[in-house]
Each structure stands twice: as structure tokens, then as C-alpha cells.
Amino acid sequence: MKLYDTLSRKKKDFKPIKEGEVGIYYCGMTLQEAPHAGHMRAALTADILNRYLQFKGYSVKLLVNFTDIDDKVLESAKQEGRDYRELVSYYEEKYRKANERLNILKASFYPRATQHIKEIIELIERLTGKGFGYAVDGNVFFRVRKFKPYGNLSGKKLDELRSGARISVNKEKEDPLDFALWKAAKPGEPYWFSPWGRGRPGWHIECSAMSTHYLGETIDIHGGGDDLIFPHHENEIAQAEAATGKPLANYWIHNAMLNIKDEKMSKSLFNFIPINDLLEEFDPNAIRLYLLQAHYRRQLNYNREMLKQASSGWEHIKIYLERTRGLTGKPIASYLEEFEKNMDDDLGTPGAIALAFDLISKANEAPKDEAGEYREAVSVILKTLGFQIEKEESVALEEVLDKLLVLRNDLRKKGNYEMADKIRAILLKAGIAVDDTKEGTLWRVK
């Protein structure tokens, strides 16, 4: 299995630190807004990584953090007239529900910045003790130029860098590139007590503190959207490695953005698509199919027509699964090998999905005695990619439907087509389509 590592800019053979176990830290939401489709692309990338590593036999510990205190959170709370704690809890719940509807596996833990003030302060103290951090009037800054590898992740040179969007200009900095580890509280802002006075953590320090606290000083995989490469992940590396002298992560994985007209989805640009709006209109499986048909490192523009095509594609898959319901068999090994070949190449979901469609086409022409083997191979692929293919209908409902179809067939045999058609019409109104085929009468959810 190979993964593309942003730091080395190449695909690397995946070898975990501890045999059979993988630790992943994937940057989650800043809880300033409702989750949009772009957030879900990041969540889905982490989900596929998690699912496929488990498919390969690894025990995975996945952490997805929430930033619940920073300038943007406080600004949103002010605009909405809410306490920031109420605001972040509200948006976290929306994020979790969207994840659940999209069948995204729960992370092992969702740490919040405000729950780890102790670990954050301890890390800052280590940095100041080594001369990487310095305090000025209750603020603590990181000396960027003292950390020589700075810029390796993003490929930026120090003399060409500018302060990140979340780093406010402060004349008290020794260097404009230095960034905040701790921010002195302004009047009316929430605060925590620290050796430097009342204040709150900077944005970047939270992830360095939480990832090393839960997963160790060097972790297997660190990931997030590619908009986080600079300054967030660059600064994370500087903080953690300056403190420990060890690499923060062995693999850096970044998913590309889901854009609108080539611009990143963003609340500030008023160009984002709330994920809950899409979920009201489209099947969650269709949304997952739409996102996974593009490789996670490829920029993807939101395209409603392509989403509709994905819906049609999922309908095609669903009809096949319903028509072959109950068929079993040993999945065809050669196709599973092809699936792994695609996924082992940096999580190649487009090829894996194309393989599933190809299998369905071949299954429709395959001998009856092989139908179960094809179906099982398709099922393994879809389940590993996180599609919800288990029947939502209860066993009791299946039994009722099957008995109704037996009754309908008896009526047809007796020539009572009027009553048989009424049963079919009633079922259709309830969302159950009845198909009379050469193999017999089948029902499916419409």
C-alpha cells in the first residue's frame, strides 16, 4: 500500500510505527458555521482511509479534532448573539449528524481545544524553555526563523512568506512571521489562567498538543484539507518538532478542496453549500458516490449535474442489489485483488468504483450459478467504500411483501387482473415497485 506524502512529495510504502496498529490525526472543523459539502469531503477522505486500513487488517485509532475557540468562533458568536459555547455545541451536533447520515464511521475520539488547556500550556512552556517561544505582555509567540526546517511541508521560503490569515499583525513580534502560541484575553473574551496571564490558545498549538498527547510524539498519519498545509500544518510541525526533536508524522495526507467556480467553499465568501441541504435532496449514497468518483487529491468543482448523474449511478447500483437480494457466494478473488490494487495506490477510489460498475455489467450476463459470487464481490467493494447497502426494510416487512406478491400471483393465475393491479398500484404508492421478470416477480424500493 502506497500513500502520497505531502512532505516528501512522493508516494511512499505505508509502514506503521507499530505492527498492526495505525494512529491518525485528521483536522476537523472550526465550529464557527454549519458544515458544508467541503467539510464533508475532508471527513470522507478520513473515513475512506480509516475503512480501508481496517479492511487491510489494521487496528485504527482515528482522532478528529474540533476547534472550539479562536478569533473566527468568537466573531461568529458575536454576530449570532450567542455564547460561544452554545454556538460550538450547536454546530458540532450538526456536523455529527451529517457524518452519521453519510455513514462516516465515528472517530475514536473528537478532542476539543478547550478540553486540553493543560496540555497546551505544558507544550508552550517546553517551547519557551528551549528558546522557541517568547512572551510579550501576556502573548506568547513562536520564533519561526529559529526552526530551520520551517517551510519544508509547504515548499515556501522564509523570505517569501507572509503571516497566515489567522495571525494578526502585532508590532510586539520580534519578526512578522512569528505566530501566536498564546493570546492575551481582550475585554469580554473568554480566558484561561496561564503563566503568562489570562488568555487562550493560538489556533495551531491545539493540534500539536492534542495529537502528541493521544498518539505519541511521532504519529503514523496526519491529515486535513490542503488549505491547511500553510500555515496550520507548517506551524504544527514547527511547534511539535521544536519541542520533541522528533518528526511529528510519518505521512502527511491532504485532500483537495471542493470548490464552487474554482473558489474554496467558505462562509466568508458566501459560496458554500450546506451539507444538510444536499442531504434533504439527494440520497447520502449518491453524495458519497459523487465525491469518491474523484480522487481525494484532485480539485473538484461542485457540479449539480454531476451530482444528478451520481444519483442515477447509485439508482443503477441499488436496482442491481435489490434484484439479486438473497444471493450468496464466495466473492471472486481476482476482482477483489483488482479492488485492492486500485486502493493500494494512494486510495484510488475512482478505479474502485469503476470496477464495481464493471462487475455489475458482467454480473447481468453471467451464468446463474455465478450470480452470488458477483454480488458478494460488489458488496465487499461497496461496503469497504462506506456505502450503505444493507436493506433498510425489516425482516417483517419483507415477509409481508413476499406474501402480498404470492397473493398477487395467485390472483393473476385465476384471471383476477383487476385486483392484482390494485395491489401493485397500492405498493407503488407506498414506494415499492413490482417488476414481473422471466425469473419471477421481484419488488424493490423505488
Protein backbone atom coordinates (compact mmCIF):
# COMPACT_ATOMS: atom_id res chain seq x y z
CA MET A 1 0.00 0.00 0.00
CA LYS A 2 1.33 3.41 -1.00
CA LEU A 3 0.21 6.82 0.25
CA TYR A 4 1.14 10.19 -1.18
CA ASP A 5 3.12 12.10 1.43
CA THR A 6 2.90 15.89 1.08
CA LEU A 7 6.17 16.44 2.95
CA SER A 8 8.32 14.24 0.69
CA ARG A 9 6.13 14.97 -2.37
CA LYS A 10 6.01 11.33 -3.41
CA LYS A 11 4.11 8.11 -2.87
CA LYS A 12 5.62 6.08 -0.06
CA ASP A 13 5.13 2.47 1.00
CA PHE A 14 2.96 2.52 4.08
CA LYS A 15 4.64 1.10 7.18
CA PRO A 16 3.07 1.85 10.56
CA ILE A 17 5.16 2.61 13.61
CA LYS A 18 3.67 -0.33 15.50
CA GLU A 19 2.85 -3.50 13.60
CA GLY A 20 -0.87 -3.95 13.09
CA GLU A 21 -1.81 -0.55 14.55
CA VAL A 22 -2.26 2.87 12.95
CA GLY A 23 -2.69 6.25 14.62
CA ILE A 24 -4.31 9.03 12.56
CA TYR A 25 -4.94 12.66 13.43
CA TYR A 26 -7.20 14.38 10.90
CA CYS A 27 -8.01 18.07 11.33
CA GLY A 28 -11.73 18.63 11.69
CA MET A 29 -13.98 21.68 11.73
CA THR A 30 -13.60 25.07 13.24
CA LEU A 31 -17.03 25.30 14.82
CA GLN A 32 -17.96 28.73 13.52
CA GLU A 33 -20.58 27.67 10.97
CA ALA A 34 -22.82 24.86 9.79
CA PRO A 35 -20.96 22.06 7.99
CA HIS A 36 -20.88 22.40 4.21
CA ALA A 37 -20.08 19.97 1.43
CA GLY A 38 -16.39 20.94 1.55
CA HIS A 39 -16.15 19.87 5.18
CA MET A 40 -17.65 16.55 4.22
CA ARG A 41 -15.02 15.91 1.56
CA ALA A 42 -12.37 16.10 4.29
CA ALA A 43 -14.44 13.91 6.61
CA LEU A 44 -14.98 11.41 3.79
CA THR A 45 -11.25 11.23 3.00
CA ALA A 46 -10.52 10.40 6.64
CA ASP A 47 -13.35 7.85 6.56
CA ILE A 48 -12.02 6.05 3.47
CA LEU A 49 -8.53 5.98 4.97
CA ASN A 50 -9.94 4.58 8.21
CA ARG A 51 -12.15 1.99 6.48
CA TYR A 52 -9.53 0.76 4.06
CA LEU A 53 -6.84 0.38 6.72
CA GLN A 54 -9.32 -1.67 8.75
CA PHE A 55 -10.08 -3.71 5.62
CA LYS A 56 -6.33 -4.39 5.39
CA GLY A 57 -6.40 -5.74 8.93
CA TYR A 58 -5.09 -2.78 10.92
CA SER A 59 -6.43 -1.59 14.25
CA VAL A 60 -7.02 2.13 13.67
CA LYS A 61 -7.12 4.93 16.23
CA LEU A 62 -8.54 7.99 14.47
CA LEU A 63 -8.75 11.40 16.10
CA VAL A 64 -10.74 14.23 14.50
CA ASN A 65 -10.45 17.49 16.41
CA PHE A 66 -12.82 20.41 16.82
CA THR A 67 -11.52 23.96 17.11
CA ASP A 68 -13.96 25.45 19.60
CA ILE A 69 -12.11 28.65 20.48
CA ASP A 70 -10.43 31.10 18.12
CA ASP A 71 -10.98 34.51 16.54
CA LYS A 72 -13.47 33.23 13.96
CA VAL A 73 -15.53 31.33 16.52
CA LEU A 74 -15.76 34.41 18.73
CA GLU A 75 -16.68 36.61 15.77
CA SER A 76 -19.46 34.19 14.72
CA ALA A 77 -20.80 34.04 18.26
CA LYS A 78 -20.88 37.84 18.35
CA GLN A 79 -22.70 38.07 15.00
CA GLU A 80 -25.27 35.48 16.03
CA GLY A 81 -25.71 36.91 19.52
CA ARG A 82 -24.80 33.63 21.22
CA ASP A 83 -22.43 32.47 23.90
CA TYR A 84 -19.54 30.83 22.05
CA ARG A 85 -20.07 27.58 23.97
CA GLU A 86 -23.65 27.34 22.77
CA LEU A 87 -22.55 28.15 19.21
CA VAL A 88 -19.88 25.45 19.01
CA SER A 89 -22.11 22.79 20.57
CA TYR A 90 -24.85 23.61 18.05
CA TYR A 91 -22.54 23.32 15.04
CA GLU A 92 -20.76 20.24 16.38
CA GLU A 93 -24.13 18.48 16.62
CA LYS A 94 -24.92 19.42 13.02
CA TYR A 95 -21.53 18.08 11.91
CA ARG A 96 -22.00 14.80 13.77
CA LYS A 97 -25.50 14.29 12.33
CA ALA A 98 -24.26 14.96 8.79
CA ASN A 99 -21.47 12.41 9.36
CA GLU A 100 -23.98 9.88 10.58
CA ARG A 101 -26.28 10.34 7.59
CA LEU A 102 -23.32 9.96 5.22
CA ASN A 103 -22.34 6.74 7.01
CA ILE A 104 -18.99 8.14 8.11
CA LEU A 105 -17.56 5.94 10.84
CA LYS A 106 -17.23 7.59 14.22
CA ALA A 107 -13.70 8.61 15.09
CA SER A 108 -12.09 7.06 18.15
CA PHE A 109 -12.24 10.48 19.77
CA TYR A 110 -13.20 14.06 18.91
CA PRO A 111 -10.95 16.23 21.11
CA ARG A 112 -11.79 19.91 21.61
CA ALA A 113 -9.20 22.61 22.10
CA THR A 114 -10.81 23.93 25.29
CA GLN A 115 -10.64 20.46 26.88
CA HIS A 116 -6.84 20.43 26.60
CA ILE A 117 -5.66 23.75 28.01
CA LYS A 118 -3.32 21.92 30.44
CA GLU A 119 -1.56 20.03 27.61
CA ILE A 120 -1.38 23.21 25.51
CA ILE A 121 0.21 25.24 28.31
CA GLU A 122 2.72 22.46 29.02
CA LEU A 123 3.77 22.37 25.36
CA ILE A 124 4.16 26.16 25.26
CA GLU A 125 6.31 26.01 28.38
CA ARG A 126 8.58 23.46 26.69
CA LEU A 127 8.93 25.77 23.70
CA THR A 128 9.71 28.85 25.77
CA GLY A 129 12.17 26.80 27.82
CA LYS A 130 14.05 25.91 24.62
CA GLY A 131 14.02 29.47 23.31
CA PHE A 132 11.47 28.83 20.55
CA GLY A 133 8.75 30.78 22.32
CA TYR A 134 8.83 34.25 23.87
CA ALA A 135 6.28 36.18 25.90
CA VAL A 136 5.25 39.80 25.38
CA ASP A 137 2.51 41.41 27.50
CA GLY A 138 0.56 38.21 28.04
CA ASN A 139 1.04 36.93 24.46
CA VAL A 140 3.44 34.14 23.56
CA PHE A 141 4.92 33.90 20.07
CA PHE A 142 6.90 31.23 18.21
CA ARG A 143 10.26 32.21 16.70
CA VAL A 144 9.83 30.93 13.16
CA ARG A 145 13.39 31.61 11.98
CA LYS A 146 14.84 29.61 14.87
CA PHE A 147 13.20 26.46 13.48
CA LYS A 148 15.42 25.77 10.47
CA PRO A 149 13.20 23.24 8.59
CA TYR A 150 10.31 25.73 8.51
CA GLY A 151 8.69 25.75 5.07
CA ASN A 152 9.55 22.16 4.12
CA LEU A 153 5.93 20.99 4.10
CA SER A 154 4.54 23.84 2.01
CA GLY A 155 7.67 24.37 -0.08
CA LYS A 156 7.71 28.04 0.87
CA LYS A 157 10.85 30.03 1.59
CA LEU A 158 11.04 32.20 4.68
CA ASP A 159 11.77 35.41 2.82
CA GLU A 160 8.71 34.88 0.62
CA LEU A 161 6.30 34.06 3.42
CA ARG A 162 3.59 36.26 4.82
CA SER A 163 1.73 35.88 8.07
CA GLY A 164 -1.18 33.47 7.80
CA ALA A 165 -4.74 34.69 7.58
CA ARG A 166 -5.40 33.81 11.20
CA ILE A 167 -2.24 35.51 12.53
CA SER A 168 -2.97 39.13 13.29
CA VAL A 169 -0.22 41.68 12.77
CA ASN A 170 1.37 42.58 16.10
CA LYS A 171 4.13 45.16 16.47
CA GLU A 172 5.36 43.33 19.55
CA LYS A 173 6.54 40.38 17.49
CA GLU A 174 10.28 40.05 17.00
CA ASP A 175 9.59 39.04 13.41
CA PRO A 176 6.40 39.47 11.33
CA LEU A 177 6.49 35.70 10.57
CA ASP A 178 6.27 34.70 14.22
CA PHE A 179 2.87 33.28 15.14
CA ALA A 180 0.84 33.16 18.35
CA LEU A 181 1.09 30.25 20.74
CA TRP A 182 -0.98 32.01 23.40
CA LYS A 183 -3.14 35.11 23.10
CA ALA A 184 -3.77 37.57 25.92
CA ALA A 185 -7.50 37.93 26.55
CA LYS A 186 -9.20 41.09 25.32
CA PRO A 187 -12.01 42.66 27.39
CA GLY A 188 -15.13 40.49 27.26
CA GLU A 189 -13.38 37.48 25.74
CA PRO A 190 -13.30 34.04 27.38
CA TYR A 191 -10.00 33.21 29.03
CA TRP A 192 -7.99 30.62 30.94
CA PHE A 193 -5.28 31.23 33.53
CA SER A 194 -1.71 30.62 32.40
CA PRO A 195 1.86 31.51 33.46
CA TRP A 196 1.56 34.50 31.07
CA GLY A 197 -1.75 35.76 32.40
CA ARG A 198 -5.35 35.36 31.32
CA GLY A 199 -5.70 34.26 27.72
CA ARG A 200 -6.48 31.48 25.26
CA PRO A 201 -4.51 29.21 22.94
CA GLY A 202 -3.48 30.13 19.43
CA TRP A 203 -5.02 28.13 16.60
CA HIS A 204 -2.02 25.97 15.70
CA ILE A 205 -0.84 24.88 19.14
CA GLU A 206 -4.02 22.96 19.92
CA CYS A 207 -3.40 20.29 17.28
CA SER A 208 0.27 19.81 18.17
CA ALA A 209 -0.70 19.36 21.82
CA MET A 210 -3.62 17.02 21.22
CA SER A 211 -2.02 14.81 18.56
CA THR A 212 1.12 14.19 20.63
CA HIS A 213 -0.91 13.73 23.84
CA TYR A 214 -3.08 10.96 22.41
CA LEU A 215 -0.95 9.39 19.69
CA GLY A 216 2.63 10.00 20.77
CA GLU A 217 5.42 12.35 19.76
CA THR A 218 5.54 10.79 16.27
CA ILE A 219 2.29 9.58 14.74
CA ASP A 220 1.63 7.48 11.67
CA ILE A 221 -0.61 9.80 9.65
CA HIS A 222 -1.60 13.44 9.96
CA GLY A 223 -4.14 14.80 7.53
CA GLY A 224 -6.59 17.51 6.58
CA GLY A 225 -7.67 19.73 3.72
CA ASP A 226 -4.89 21.08 1.53
CA ASP A 227 -5.84 24.59 2.62
CA LEU A 228 -4.27 23.67 5.97
CA ILE A 229 -0.80 22.91 4.58
CA PHE A 230 0.16 26.53 5.21
CA PRO A 231 0.15 27.97 7.74
CA HIS A 232 -1.60 25.49 10.03
CA HIS A 233 0.26 22.24 9.40
CA GLU A 234 3.53 24.02 8.77
CA ASN A 235 3.19 25.61 12.19
CA GLU A 236 2.12 22.35 13.80
CA ILE A 237 5.32 20.73 12.60
CA ALA A 238 7.43 23.64 13.89
CA GLN A 239 5.84 23.57 17.35
CA ALA A 240 5.88 19.80 17.87
CA GLU A 241 9.31 19.11 16.40
CA ALA A 242 10.93 22.07 18.16
CA ALA A 243 9.64 20.64 21.43
CA THR A 244 10.37 16.95 20.87
CA GLY A 245 13.17 16.84 18.30
CA LYS A 246 11.22 14.09 16.50
CA PRO A 247 9.12 14.06 13.29
CA LEU A 248 5.51 14.89 14.09
CA ALA A 249 4.12 12.45 11.49
CA ASN A 250 5.49 9.88 9.08
CA TYR A 251 2.84 10.59 6.43
CA TRP A 252 1.07 13.86 5.63
CA ILE A 253 -2.16 13.38 3.69
CA HIS A 254 -4.15 16.29 2.26
CA ASN A 255 -7.45 16.19 0.42
CA ALA A 256 -8.09 18.80 -2.26
CA MET A 257 -10.90 21.30 -1.86
CA LEU A 258 -14.46 21.01 -3.09
CA ASN A 259 -14.80 24.35 -4.84
CA ILE A 260 -17.54 26.47 -6.34
CA LYS A 261 -16.42 28.05 -9.60
CA ASP A 262 -12.79 27.34 -8.69
CA GLU A 263 -13.08 29.07 -5.31
CA LYS A 264 -12.89 27.28 -1.96
CA MET A 265 -16.23 26.90 -0.20
CA SER A 266 -16.21 29.46 2.57
CA LYS A 267 -18.65 31.24 4.83
CA SER A 268 -16.73 34.48 4.30
CA LEU A 269 -17.17 34.21 0.52
CA PHE A 270 -20.87 33.32 0.83
CA ASN A 271 -20.38 30.45 -1.62
CA PHE A 272 -20.87 27.31 0.41
CA ILE A 273 -23.46 24.54 0.07
CA PRO A 274 -24.74 23.40 3.49
CA ILE A 275 -24.43 19.62 3.56
CA ASN A 276 -27.82 19.28 5.24
CA ASP A 277 -29.46 20.99 2.25
CA LEU A 278 -27.91 18.42 -0.08
CA LEU A 279 -28.94 15.58 2.20
CA GLU A 280 -32.56 16.72 2.02
CA GLU A 281 -32.47 16.45 -1.76
CA PHE A 282 -30.06 13.61 -2.55
CA ASP A 283 -29.51 10.11 -1.24
CA PRO A 284 -26.43 10.08 1.06
CA ASN A 285 -25.04 7.21 -1.03
CA ALA A 286 -25.31 9.36 -4.17
CA ILE A 287 -23.36 12.17 -2.46
CA ARG A 288 -20.69 9.68 -1.38
CA LEU A 289 -20.53 8.30 -4.93
CA TYR A 290 -20.18 11.82 -6.38
CA LEU A 291 -17.27 12.67 -4.07
CA LEU A 292 -15.45 9.34 -4.38
CA GLN A 293 -15.56 9.28 -8.17
CA ALA A 294 -12.85 11.94 -8.00
CA HIS A 295 -9.51 11.11 -6.37
CA TYR A 296 -9.15 12.80 -2.99
CA ARG A 297 -6.11 14.83 -4.16
CA ARG A 298 -7.92 16.18 -7.22
CA GLN A 299 -9.61 19.58 -7.07
CA LEU A 300 -13.33 19.14 -7.55
CA ASN A 301 -15.81 21.84 -8.50
CA TYR A 302 -19.32 21.44 -7.17
CA ASN A 303 -21.43 20.47 -10.14
CA ARG A 304 -25.13 19.86 -9.71
CA GLU A 305 -25.47 17.96 -12.99
CA MET A 306 -22.67 15.58 -11.98
CA LEU A 307 -24.42 15.07 -8.65
CA LYS A 308 -27.59 14.14 -10.52
CA GLN A 309 -25.56 11.70 -12.62
CA ALA A 310 -24.19 10.20 -9.41
CA SER A 311 -27.78 9.80 -8.21
CA SER A 312 -28.62 7.90 -11.39
CA GLY A 313 -25.49 5.81 -10.91
CA TRP A 314 -26.48 4.93 -7.38
CA GLU A 315 -30.00 4.05 -8.55
CA HIS A 316 -28.41 1.61 -11.03
CA ILE A 317 -26.41 0.00 -8.21
CA LYS A 318 -29.44 -0.14 -5.93
CA ILE A 319 -31.62 -1.85 -8.54
CA TYR A 320 -28.92 -4.47 -9.08
CA LEU A 321 -28.60 -5.12 -5.34
CA GLU A 322 -32.37 -5.41 -4.94
CA ARG A 323 -32.73 -7.73 -7.91
CA THR A 324 -30.03 -10.03 -6.52
CA ARG A 325 -31.21 -9.87 -2.92
CA GLY A 326 -30.62 -13.14 -1.11
CA LEU A 327 -27.95 -14.45 -3.48
CA THR A 328 -24.73 -15.50 -1.77
CA GLY A 329 -21.39 -16.93 -2.74
CA LYS A 330 -17.67 -16.56 -2.30
CA PRO A 331 -16.54 -13.23 -3.81
CA ILE A 332 -14.47 -13.65 -6.96
CA ALA A 333 -10.86 -13.36 -5.80
CA SER A 334 -9.49 -11.78 -8.97
CA TYR A 335 -11.90 -8.85 -8.66
CA LEU A 336 -11.06 -8.27 -5.01
CA GLU A 337 -7.38 -8.27 -5.99
CA GLU A 338 -8.16 -5.64 -8.61
CA PHE A 339 -10.02 -3.62 -5.97
CA GLU A 340 -7.02 -3.74 -3.63
CA LYS A 341 -4.69 -2.82 -6.47
CA ASN A 342 -6.67 0.38 -7.02
CA MET A 343 -6.97 1.24 -3.34
CA ASP A 344 -3.35 0.35 -2.53
CA ASP A 345 -2.33 3.06 -4.98
CA ASP A 346 -3.00 6.07 -2.74
CA LEU A 347 -6.66 5.26 -2.09
CA GLY A 348 -7.69 5.08 -5.73
CA THR A 349 -11.45 5.28 -5.23
CA PRO A 350 -12.27 6.26 -8.86
CA GLY A 351 -10.84 2.97 -10.15
CA ALA A 352 -12.51 1.01 -7.35
CA ILE A 353 -15.92 2.48 -8.19
CA ALA A 354 -15.42 1.88 -11.92
CA LEU A 355 -14.64 -1.74 -11.06
CA ALA A 356 -17.93 -2.06 -9.13
CA PHE A 357 -19.91 -0.80 -12.12
CA ASP A 358 -17.99 -3.13 -14.43
CA LEU A 359 -18.77 -6.06 -12.14
CA ILE A 360 -22.48 -5.25 -12.22
CA SER A 361 -22.44 -5.18 -16.02
CA LYS A 362 -20.66 -8.54 -16.14
CA ALA A 363 -22.98 -9.98 -13.48
CA ASN A 364 -26.01 -9.26 -15.65
CA GLU A 365 -24.54 -11.51 -18.34
CA ALA A 366 -23.01 -14.15 -16.06
CA PRO A 367 -24.44 -17.67 -15.61
CA LYS A 368 -26.97 -18.02 -12.80
CA ASP A 369 -24.66 -20.23 -10.72
CA GLU A 370 -22.11 -17.36 -10.57
CA ALA A 371 -24.60 -14.60 -9.71
CA GLY A 372 -23.99 -14.88 -5.95
CA GLU A 373 -20.21 -14.64 -6.40
CA TYR A 374 -20.54 -11.43 -8.39
CA ARG A 375 -22.96 -9.93 -5.92
CA GLU A 376 -20.67 -10.71 -2.99
CA ALA A 377 -17.70 -9.11 -4.76
CA VAL A 378 -19.74 -5.95 -5.46
CA SER A 379 -20.92 -5.92 -1.84
CA VAL A 380 -17.38 -6.15 -0.43
CA ILE A 381 -16.26 -3.22 -2.59
CA LEU A 382 -19.24 -1.04 -1.72
CA LYS A 383 -19.12 -1.81 2.00
CA THR A 384 -15.39 -1.07 2.18
CA LEU A 385 -16.04 2.27 0.49
CA GLY A 386 -18.69 3.05 3.08
CA PHE A 387 -21.87 2.75 1.04
CA GLN A 388 -24.99 1.75 2.97
CA ILE A 389 -26.16 -1.32 1.14
CA GLU A 390 -27.86 -3.22 3.92
CA LYS A 391 -31.61 -3.32 3.35
CA GLU A 392 -33.39 -0.73 5.43
CA GLU A 393 -36.56 -2.81 5.35
CA SER A 394 -37.16 -5.00 8.35
CA VAL A 395 -37.48 -8.77 8.05
CA ALA A 396 -41.15 -8.47 9.00
CA LEU A 397 -41.78 -6.04 6.14
CA GLU A 398 -40.02 -8.37 3.70
CA GLU A 399 -42.23 -11.23 4.78
CA VAL A 400 -45.39 -9.14 4.31
CA LEU A 401 -44.29 -8.01 0.85
CA ASP A 402 -43.36 -11.51 -0.21
CA LYS A 403 -46.80 -12.78 0.91
CA LEU A 404 -48.52 -9.96 -0.96
CA LEU A 405 -46.67 -10.93 -4.14
CA VAL A 406 -47.68 -14.57 -3.67
CA LEU A 407 -51.31 -13.40 -3.30
CA ARG A 408 -50.96 -11.17 -6.39
CA ASN A 409 -49.57 -14.04 -8.46
CA ASP A 410 -52.42 -16.32 -7.34
CA LEU A 411 -54.93 -13.64 -8.40
CA ARG A 412 -53.26 -13.34 -11.80
CA LYS A 413 -53.33 -17.11 -12.28
CA LYS A 414 -57.06 -17.05 -11.54
CA GLY A 415 -57.57 -14.24 -14.03
CA ASN A 416 -58.38 -11.58 -11.43
CA TYR A 417 -56.08 -9.00 -13.00
CA GLU A 418 -58.07 -6.07 -11.64
CA MET A 419 -57.31 -6.96 -8.01
CA ALA A 420 -53.70 -7.89 -8.89
CA ASP A 421 -53.22 -4.46 -10.46
CA LYS A 422 -54.72 -2.77 -7.38
CA ILE A 423 -52.14 -4.50 -5.16
CA ARG A 424 -49.38 -3.34 -7.49
CA ALA A 425 -50.73 0.23 -7.51
CA ILE A 426 -51.00 0.35 -3.70
CA LEU A 427 -47.42 -0.87 -3.33
CA LEU A 428 -46.19 1.65 -5.91
CA LYS A 429 -47.89 4.47 -3.98
CA ALA A 430 -46.04 3.26 -0.87
CA GLY A 431 -42.72 3.45 -2.75
CA ILE A 432 -42.40 -0.25 -3.65
CA ALA A 433 -42.03 -1.06 -7.34
CA VAL A 434 -43.11 -4.52 -8.54
CA ASP A 435 -41.34 -5.98 -11.60
CA ASP A 436 -42.57 -9.06 -13.46
CA THR A 437 -39.45 -10.70 -14.94
CA LYS A 438 -38.52 -14.03 -16.54
CA GLU A 439 -37.07 -15.08 -13.20
CA GLY A 440 -40.33 -14.25 -11.39
CA THR A 441 -41.91 -11.29 -9.66
CA LEU A 442 -39.49 -9.03 -7.75
CA TRP A 443 -40.03 -5.97 -5.56
CA ARG A 444 -37.67 -3.06 -4.94
CA VAL A 445 -37.70 0.23 -3.12
CA LYS A 446 -38.45 2.88 -5.71
